[in-house]
Amino acid sequence: MDSYPKNHELGRIDDLLLEDSYALSRDVPLNLPAIQRAWPEFESSFDSLRGRRMMGLFYDDLGVYRMASVRLDRDVNNDLNLDETVVPGGSYLRLRLRGRAPEIYEQIAPAFDVLFAFVDHDASRPHIEYYRRAGEIDCLVPTVSTV
């Protein structure tokens, strides 16, 4: 793995190892206006956002942005009219952003630029924005495993 600073002006950078996660999803074109229009409708598909792990998966090679929420036990009997996907596990490099909207959203693209500069990117997996809570977003770039 390439070396990188643990602390960057945008936030802390860490290595992560994630397991595959099963999620409910919806795909939209990979362009900002389409993504911004789609999020409110996607979120309204659920009975509540409480306990949800909301994320966006970037499939650059396909031109697709996949909104996803890890499946919860309460989703089993609900027909939410959403697609199903697997959020791929593996090694990731994460930069955690903290701040207020809308400024924090403006830091997402620069955060990914920082991560791509420090890592050998695994193009077979999407890079991910994970909305942890209000004011906290993890930007994750999949890395080529050295194991």
N, C-alpha and C. Protein backbone atom coordinates (compact mmCIF):
# COMPACT_ATOMS: atom_id res chain seq x y z
N MET A 1 0.85 -1.17 0.00
CA MET A 1 0.00 0.00 0.00
C MET A 1 0.89 1.23 0.00
N ASP A 2 0.46 2.25 -0.75
CA ASP A 2 1.20 3.50 -0.79
C ASP A 2 1.11 4.17 0.58
N SER A 3 2.09 4.99 0.87
CA SER A 3 2.03 5.71 2.15
C SER A 3 1.15 6.94 1.98
N TYR A 4 0.55 7.34 3.07
CA TYR A 4 -0.35 8.49 3.06
C TYR A 4 -0.37 9.08 4.46
N PRO A 5 -0.72 10.36 4.58
CA PRO A 5 -0.80 10.95 5.92
C PRO A 5 -2.07 10.48 6.61
N LYS A 6 -2.00 10.22 7.90
CA LYS A 6 -3.19 9.83 8.67
C LYS A 6 -4.14 11.02 8.82
N ASN A 7 -3.57 12.20 8.92
CA ASN A 7 -4.39 13.40 9.08
C ASN A 7 -4.20 14.30 7.87
N HIS A 8 -5.28 14.62 7.22
CA HIS A 8 -5.29 15.50 6.07
C HIS A 8 -6.17 16.69 6.43
N GLU A 9 -5.98 17.80 5.76
CA GLU A 9 -6.79 18.99 6.08
C GLU A 9 -8.29 18.73 5.92
N LEU A 10 -8.68 17.78 5.07
CA LEU A 10 -10.10 17.45 4.90
C LEU A 10 -10.62 16.49 5.97
N GLY A 11 -9.73 15.68 6.54
CA GLY A 11 -10.16 14.73 7.56
C GLY A 11 -9.16 13.61 7.74
N ARG A 12 -9.49 12.69 8.63
CA ARG A 12 -8.61 11.55 8.95
C ARG A 12 -8.70 10.50 7.85
N ILE A 13 -7.56 9.89 7.53
CA ILE A 13 -7.47 8.83 6.53
C ILE A 13 -7.09 7.53 7.23
N ASP A 14 -7.82 6.46 6.91
CA ASP A 14 -7.58 5.15 7.52
C ASP A 14 -7.78 4.04 6.50
N ASP A 15 -7.12 2.90 6.77
CA ASP A 15 -7.36 1.66 6.02
C ASP A 15 -8.54 0.94 6.67
N LEU A 16 -9.40 0.34 5.85
CA LEU A 16 -10.53 -0.44 6.36
C LEU A 16 -10.60 -1.77 5.63
N LEU A 17 -11.13 -2.76 6.29
CA LEU A 17 -11.44 -4.04 5.67
C LEU A 17 -12.93 -4.28 5.94
N LEU A 18 -13.72 -4.30 4.87
CA LEU A 18 -15.18 -4.43 4.99
C LEU A 18 -15.64 -5.79 4.50
N GLU A 19 -16.75 -6.26 5.06
CA GLU A 19 -17.44 -7.46 4.59
C GLU A 19 -18.47 -7.05 3.55
N ASP A 20 -18.84 -7.98 2.65
CA ASP A 20 -19.94 -7.71 1.74
C ASP A 20 -21.19 -7.39 2.54
N SER A 21 -22.01 -6.47 2.02
CA SER A 21 -23.28 -6.10 2.67
C SER A 21 -24.40 -6.19 1.65
N TYR A 22 -25.52 -6.76 2.03
CA TYR A 22 -26.69 -6.83 1.16
C TYR A 22 -27.49 -5.56 1.34
N ALA A 23 -27.90 -4.95 0.23
CA ALA A 23 -28.55 -3.65 0.30
C ALA A 23 -29.70 -3.54 -0.69
N LEU A 24 -30.59 -2.62 -0.39
CA LEU A 24 -31.64 -2.21 -1.31
C LEU A 24 -31.09 -1.01 -2.07
N SER A 25 -31.42 -0.90 -3.36
CA SER A 25 -30.76 0.14 -4.15
C SER A 25 -31.63 0.65 -5.29
N ARG A 26 -31.15 1.74 -5.87
CA ARG A 26 -31.72 2.30 -7.10
C ARG A 26 -30.58 2.98 -7.84
N ASP A 27 -30.50 2.73 -9.15
CA ASP A 27 -29.47 3.32 -9.99
C ASP A 27 -29.98 4.57 -10.69
N VAL A 28 -29.09 5.56 -10.83
CA VAL A 28 -29.37 6.77 -11.61
C VAL A 28 -28.12 7.08 -12.42
N PRO A 29 -28.26 7.93 -13.45
CA PRO A 29 -27.06 8.32 -14.21
C PRO A 29 -26.06 9.03 -13.30
N LEU A 30 -24.81 8.85 -13.62
CA LEU A 30 -23.72 9.42 -12.83
C LEU A 30 -23.51 10.89 -13.22
N ASN A 31 -24.47 11.73 -12.82
CA ASN A 31 -24.31 13.17 -12.97
C ASN A 31 -25.01 13.84 -11.80
N LEU A 32 -24.43 14.93 -11.32
CA LEU A 32 -24.85 15.55 -10.08
C LEU A 32 -26.33 15.94 -10.05
N PRO A 33 -26.88 16.59 -11.09
CA PRO A 33 -28.31 16.94 -11.01
C PRO A 33 -29.21 15.70 -10.87
N ALA A 34 -28.92 14.62 -11.58
CA ALA A 34 -29.73 13.40 -11.48
C ALA A 34 -29.62 12.80 -10.08
N ILE A 35 -28.43 12.81 -9.53
CA ILE A 35 -28.21 12.26 -8.19
C ILE A 35 -28.97 13.09 -7.15
N GLN A 36 -28.87 14.40 -7.24
CA GLN A 36 -29.55 15.27 -6.28
C GLN A 36 -31.06 15.13 -6.36
N ARG A 37 -31.61 14.95 -7.56
CA ARG A 37 -33.06 14.76 -7.71
C ARG A 37 -33.51 13.42 -7.16
N ALA A 38 -32.67 12.39 -7.27
CA ALA A 38 -33.08 11.02 -6.94
C ALA A 38 -33.07 10.72 -5.44
N TRP A 39 -32.19 11.36 -4.68
CA TRP A 39 -32.07 11.01 -3.26
C TRP A 39 -33.37 11.16 -2.47
N PRO A 40 -34.10 12.28 -2.58
CA PRO A 40 -35.34 12.39 -1.77
C PRO A 40 -36.35 11.28 -2.07
N GLU A 41 -36.50 10.91 -3.34
CA GLU A 41 -37.43 9.83 -3.68
C GLU A 41 -36.94 8.49 -3.12
N PHE A 42 -35.64 8.23 -3.23
CA PHE A 42 -35.09 6.99 -2.70
C PHE A 42 -35.33 6.90 -1.19
N GLU A 43 -35.01 7.98 -0.48
CA GLU A 43 -35.20 7.99 0.97
C GLU A 43 -36.66 7.82 1.36
N SER A 44 -37.58 8.36 0.55
CA SER A 44 -39.00 8.26 0.88
C SER A 44 -39.55 6.85 0.64
N SER A 45 -38.77 5.97 0.04
CA SER A 45 -39.18 4.57 -0.17
C SER A 45 -39.26 3.81 1.15
N PHE A 46 -38.56 4.29 2.17
CA PHE A 46 -38.44 3.57 3.44
C PHE A 46 -39.45 4.06 4.46
N ASP A 47 -39.82 3.17 5.38
CA ASP A 47 -40.74 3.53 6.45
C ASP A 47 -40.13 4.59 7.36
N SER A 48 -38.82 4.55 7.52
CA SER A 48 -38.08 5.49 8.36
C SER A 48 -36.61 5.41 7.97
N LEU A 49 -35.88 6.48 8.18
CA LEU A 49 -34.44 6.46 7.94
C LEU A 49 -33.67 6.05 9.20
N ARG A 50 -34.39 5.88 10.29
CA ARG A 50 -33.76 5.49 11.55
C ARG A 50 -33.09 4.11 11.39
N GLY A 51 -31.81 4.06 11.74
CA GLY A 51 -31.06 2.81 11.66
C GLY A 51 -30.53 2.50 10.27
N ARG A 52 -30.82 3.33 9.30
CA ARG A 52 -30.39 3.08 7.92
C ARG A 52 -28.91 3.41 7.75
N ARG A 53 -28.24 2.63 6.92
CA ARG A 53 -26.87 2.92 6.48
C ARG A 53 -26.97 3.31 5.02
N MET A 54 -27.07 4.61 4.77
CA MET A 54 -27.26 5.14 3.42
C MET A 54 -25.91 5.40 2.77
N MET A 55 -25.81 5.03 1.51
CA MET A 55 -24.56 5.25 0.79
C MET A 55 -24.80 5.40 -0.70
N GLY A 56 -23.82 5.99 -1.35
CA GLY A 56 -23.80 6.10 -2.80
C GLY A 56 -22.59 5.37 -3.33
N LEU A 57 -22.82 4.53 -4.34
CA LEU A 57 -21.75 3.75 -4.95
C LEU A 57 -21.51 4.28 -6.36
N PHE A 58 -20.27 4.61 -6.67
CA PHE A 58 -19.91 5.17 -7.96
C PHE A 58 -19.34 4.07 -8.86
N TYR A 59 -20.04 3.81 -9.97
CA TYR A 59 -19.57 2.87 -10.98
C TYR A 59 -19.19 3.70 -12.20
N ASP A 60 -17.99 4.26 -12.16
CA ASP A 60 -17.54 5.17 -13.22
C ASP A 60 -17.58 4.52 -14.59
N ASP A 61 -17.13 3.27 -14.68
CA ASP A 61 -17.05 2.60 -15.98
C ASP A 61 -18.43 2.40 -16.61
N LEU A 62 -19.47 2.34 -15.80
CA LEU A 62 -20.84 2.16 -16.30
C LEU A 62 -21.62 3.47 -16.37
N GLY A 63 -21.06 4.54 -15.81
CA GLY A 63 -21.76 5.81 -15.76
C GLY A 63 -22.96 5.77 -14.84
N VAL A 64 -22.84 4.97 -13.75
CA VAL A 64 -23.96 4.74 -12.84
C VAL A 64 -23.60 5.16 -11.42
N TYR A 65 -24.57 5.80 -10.76
CA TYR A 65 -24.49 6.09 -9.34
C TYR A 65 -25.59 5.26 -8.69
N ARG A 66 -25.24 4.43 -7.73
CA ARG A 66 -26.19 3.53 -7.08
C ARG A 66 -26.43 3.99 -5.65
N MET A 67 -27.65 4.47 -5.38
CA MET A 67 -28.05 4.79 -4.01
C MET A 67 -28.35 3.47 -3.33
N ALA A 68 -27.89 3.30 -2.10
CA ALA A 68 -28.08 2.02 -1.42
C ALA A 68 -28.31 2.22 0.07
N SER A 69 -29.06 1.29 0.63
CA SER A 69 -29.27 1.22 2.07
C SER A 69 -29.15 -0.24 2.47
N VAL A 70 -28.23 -0.53 3.38
CA VAL A 70 -28.05 -1.90 3.83
C VAL A 70 -29.39 -2.42 4.35
N ARG A 71 -29.72 -3.64 3.95
CA ARG A 71 -31.00 -4.24 4.30
C ARG A 71 -31.10 -4.41 5.82
N LEU A 72 -32.27 -4.04 6.35
CA LEU A 72 -32.56 -4.20 7.77
C LEU A 72 -33.57 -5.32 7.95
N ASP A 73 -33.62 -5.89 9.15
CA ASP A 73 -34.58 -6.97 9.43
C ASP A 73 -36.00 -6.56 9.09
N ARG A 74 -36.36 -5.30 9.36
CA ARG A 74 -37.73 -4.86 9.12
C ARG A 74 -38.08 -4.74 7.63
N ASP A 75 -37.09 -4.87 6.74
CA ASP A 75 -37.33 -4.79 5.30
C ASP A 75 -37.82 -6.11 4.71
N VAL A 76 -37.69 -7.19 5.44
CA VAL A 76 -37.97 -8.53 4.89
C VAL A 76 -39.36 -8.64 4.29
N ASN A 77 -40.37 -8.17 4.98
CA ASN A 77 -41.74 -8.31 4.50
C ASN A 77 -42.28 -7.06 3.81
N ASN A 78 -41.44 -6.08 3.58
CA ASN A 78 -41.87 -4.85 2.94
C ASN A 78 -41.54 -4.87 1.46
N ASP A 79 -42.54 -4.61 0.63
CA ASP A 79 -42.30 -4.47 -0.80
C ASP A 79 -41.97 -3.01 -1.08
N LEU A 80 -40.67 -2.71 -1.12
CA LEU A 80 -40.23 -1.33 -1.26
C LEU A 80 -40.00 -0.92 -2.71
N ASN A 81 -40.22 -1.85 -3.64
CA ASN A 81 -40.05 -1.56 -5.07
C ASN A 81 -38.65 -1.01 -5.37
N LEU A 82 -37.65 -1.63 -4.75
CA LEU A 82 -36.26 -1.26 -4.97
C LEU A 82 -35.48 -2.46 -5.48
N ASP A 83 -34.35 -2.19 -6.10
CA ASP A 83 -33.47 -3.25 -6.54
C ASP A 83 -32.67 -3.77 -5.35
N GLU A 84 -32.01 -4.89 -5.55
CA GLU A 84 -31.12 -5.45 -4.53
C GLU A 84 -29.71 -5.45 -5.09
N THR A 85 -28.75 -5.22 -4.22
CA THR A 85 -27.36 -5.19 -4.63
C THR A 85 -26.49 -5.68 -3.48
N VAL A 86 -25.25 -5.94 -3.80
CA VAL A 86 -24.25 -6.25 -2.78
C VAL A 86 -23.24 -5.11 -2.78
N VAL A 87 -23.04 -4.53 -1.62
CA VAL A 87 -21.97 -3.55 -1.46
C VAL A 87 -20.71 -4.37 -1.21
N PRO A 88 -19.78 -4.33 -2.18
CA PRO A 88 -18.63 -5.24 -2.07
C PRO A 88 -17.68 -4.90 -0.93
N GLY A 89 -17.29 -5.94 -0.21
CA GLY A 89 -16.32 -5.79 0.85
C GLY A 89 -14.91 -5.76 0.28
N GLY A 90 -13.95 -5.84 1.18
CA GLY A 90 -12.55 -5.83 0.79
C GLY A 90 -11.82 -4.67 1.44
N SER A 91 -10.64 -4.39 0.93
CA SER A 91 -9.80 -3.31 1.47
C SER A 91 -10.21 -1.97 0.88
N TYR A 92 -10.30 -0.98 1.74
CA TYR A 92 -10.66 0.38 1.32
C TYR A 92 -9.76 1.38 2.05
N LEU A 93 -9.56 2.52 1.42
CA LEU A 93 -8.95 3.66 2.07
C LEU A 93 -10.07 4.67 2.30
N ARG A 94 -10.20 5.15 3.55
CA ARG A 94 -11.31 6.01 3.93
C ARG A 94 -10.81 7.38 4.35
N LEU A 95 -11.52 8.41 3.90
CA LEU A 95 -11.33 9.76 4.41
C LEU A 95 -12.66 10.18 5.01
N ARG A 96 -12.66 10.52 6.30
CA ARG A 96 -13.90 10.89 6.99
C ARG A 96 -14.03 12.41 7.01
N LEU A 97 -15.11 12.87 6.39
CA LEU A 97 -15.42 14.30 6.35
C LEU A 97 -16.35 14.65 7.51
N ARG A 98 -16.16 15.83 8.08
CA ARG A 98 -17.06 16.33 9.11
C ARG A 98 -17.35 17.79 8.81
N GLY A 99 -18.61 18.17 8.95
CA GLY A 99 -18.99 19.55 8.69
C GLY A 99 -20.49 19.70 8.57
N ARG A 100 -20.90 20.85 8.11
CA ARG A 100 -22.32 21.15 7.95
C ARG A 100 -22.69 21.19 6.47
N ALA A 101 -23.95 20.85 6.21
CA ALA A 101 -24.47 20.98 4.85
C ALA A 101 -24.69 22.47 4.56
N PRO A 102 -24.48 22.94 3.37
CA PRO A 102 -24.10 22.19 2.18
C PRO A 102 -22.59 22.07 1.98
N GLU A 103 -21.80 22.73 2.84
CA GLU A 103 -20.35 22.75 2.64
C GLU A 103 -19.73 21.35 2.64
N ILE A 104 -20.23 20.45 3.48
CA ILE A 104 -19.65 19.11 3.54
C ILE A 104 -19.80 18.38 2.20
N TYR A 105 -20.92 18.62 1.50
CA TYR A 105 -21.13 17.96 0.21
C TYR A 105 -20.12 18.44 -0.83
N GLU A 106 -19.70 19.69 -0.70
CA GLU A 106 -18.72 20.25 -1.63
C GLU A 106 -17.33 19.65 -1.40
N GLN A 107 -17.12 18.98 -0.28
CA GLN A 107 -15.82 18.37 0.03
C GLN A 107 -15.70 16.93 -0.48
N ILE A 108 -16.80 16.34 -0.94
CA ILE A 108 -16.78 14.93 -1.34
C ILE A 108 -15.84 14.71 -2.52
N ALA A 109 -16.00 15.46 -3.61
CA ALA A 109 -15.13 15.27 -4.78
C ALA A 109 -13.66 15.50 -4.42
N PRO A 110 -13.31 16.58 -3.71
CA PRO A 110 -11.91 16.74 -3.32
C PRO A 110 -11.39 15.61 -2.44
N ALA A 111 -12.25 15.06 -1.57
CA ALA A 111 -11.83 13.94 -0.72
C ALA A 111 -11.47 12.73 -1.56
N PHE A 112 -12.28 12.43 -2.57
CA PHE A 112 -11.96 11.31 -3.45
C PHE A 112 -10.67 11.57 -4.22
N ASP A 113 -10.45 12.80 -4.65
CA ASP A 113 -9.20 13.14 -5.34
C ASP A 113 -8.00 12.85 -4.45
N VAL A 114 -8.09 13.21 -3.18
CA VAL A 114 -7.02 12.95 -2.22
C VAL A 114 -6.77 11.44 -2.11
N LEU A 115 -7.84 10.67 -1.93
CA LEU A 115 -7.69 9.22 -1.76
C LEU A 115 -7.09 8.56 -3.00
N PHE A 116 -7.58 8.94 -4.17
CA PHE A 116 -7.06 8.34 -5.41
C PHE A 116 -5.57 8.65 -5.58
N ALA A 117 -5.11 9.76 -5.06
CA ALA A 117 -3.70 10.12 -5.18
C ALA A 117 -2.80 9.24 -4.31
N PHE A 118 -3.37 8.63 -3.26
CA PHE A 118 -2.57 7.85 -2.31
C PHE A 118 -2.67 6.35 -2.47
N VAL A 119 -3.52 5.85 -3.37
CA VAL A 119 -3.80 4.42 -3.35
C VAL A 119 -3.81 3.82 -4.75
N ASP A 120 -3.50 2.53 -4.80
CA ASP A 120 -3.66 1.76 -6.03
C ASP A 120 -5.12 1.30 -6.05
N HIS A 121 -5.94 1.99 -6.84
CA HIS A 121 -7.39 1.82 -6.86
C HIS A 121 -7.79 0.51 -7.54
N ASP A 122 -8.68 -0.24 -6.90
CA ASP A 122 -9.25 -1.46 -7.48
C ASP A 122 -10.49 -1.05 -8.29
N ALA A 123 -10.34 -0.95 -9.60
CA ALA A 123 -11.41 -0.47 -10.48
C ALA A 123 -12.56 -1.47 -10.63
N SER A 124 -12.41 -2.70 -10.11
CA SER A 124 -13.49 -3.68 -10.22
C SER A 124 -14.59 -3.45 -9.18
N ARG A 125 -14.32 -2.58 -8.20
CA ARG A 125 -15.30 -2.26 -7.15
C ARG A 125 -15.59 -0.76 -7.18
N PRO A 126 -16.80 -0.38 -6.77
CA PRO A 126 -17.13 1.05 -6.77
C PRO A 126 -16.46 1.79 -5.63
N HIS A 127 -16.28 3.11 -5.83
CA HIS A 127 -15.92 3.91 -4.66
C HIS A 127 -17.24 4.38 -4.04
N ILE A 128 -17.20 4.65 -2.74
CA ILE A 128 -18.43 4.77 -1.95
C ILE A 128 -18.41 6.04 -1.11
N GLU A 129 -19.57 6.71 -1.07
CA GLU A 129 -19.79 7.75 -0.07
C GLU A 129 -20.80 7.17 0.91
N TYR A 130 -20.44 7.15 2.17
CA TYR A 130 -21.26 6.54 3.22
C TYR A 130 -21.69 7.65 4.17
N TYR A 131 -22.99 7.87 4.24
CA TYR A 131 -23.56 8.92 5.08
C TYR A 131 -23.77 8.37 6.48
N ARG A 132 -22.80 8.59 7.35
CA ARG A 132 -22.82 8.03 8.69
C ARG A 132 -23.88 8.68 9.57
N ARG A 133 -23.96 9.97 9.54
CA ARG A 133 -24.93 10.74 10.33
C ARG A 133 -24.88 12.17 9.80
N ALA A 134 -25.77 13.01 10.27
CA ALA A 134 -25.75 14.40 9.83
C ALA A 134 -24.37 14.99 10.13
N GLY A 135 -23.75 15.55 9.11
CA GLY A 135 -22.45 16.19 9.31
C GLY A 135 -21.26 15.27 9.28
N GLU A 136 -21.45 14.00 8.87
CA GLU A 136 -20.32 13.06 8.81
C GLU A 136 -20.49 12.12 7.62
N ILE A 137 -19.54 12.17 6.71
CA ILE A 137 -19.55 11.35 5.50
C ILE A 137 -18.20 10.66 5.35
N ASP A 138 -18.22 9.35 5.14
CA ASP A 138 -17.00 8.60 4.83
C ASP A 138 -16.88 8.45 3.33
N CYS A 139 -15.74 8.82 2.78
CA CYS A 139 -15.42 8.60 1.37
C CYS A 139 -14.48 7.40 1.33
N LEU A 140 -14.84 6.37 0.56
CA LEU A 140 -14.10 5.11 0.54
C LEU A 140 -13.66 4.76 -0.89
N VAL A 141 -12.39 4.49 -1.04
CA VAL A 141 -11.84 4.06 -2.33
C VAL A 141 -11.32 2.62 -2.16
N PRO A 142 -11.81 1.70 -3.01
CA PRO A 142 -11.35 0.32 -2.90
C PRO A 142 -9.89 0.22 -3.33
N THR A 143 -9.12 -0.55 -2.57
CA THR A 143 -7.71 -0.68 -2.86
C THR A 143 -7.40 -2.09 -3.36
N VAL A 144 -6.35 -2.18 -4.13
CA VAL A 144 -5.87 -3.47 -4.59
C VAL A 144 -5.27 -4.17 -3.40
N SER A 145 -5.74 -5.36 -3.10
CA SER A 145 -5.27 -6.10 -1.95
C SER A 145 -3.83 -6.54 -2.14
N THR A 146 -3.04 -6.39 -1.08
CA THR A 146 -1.65 -6.83 -1.13
C THR A 146 -1.46 -8.17 -0.45
N VAL A 147 -2.57 -8.79 -0.05
CA VAL A 147 -2.50 -10.08 0.66
C VAL A 147 -2.57 -11.22 -0.33
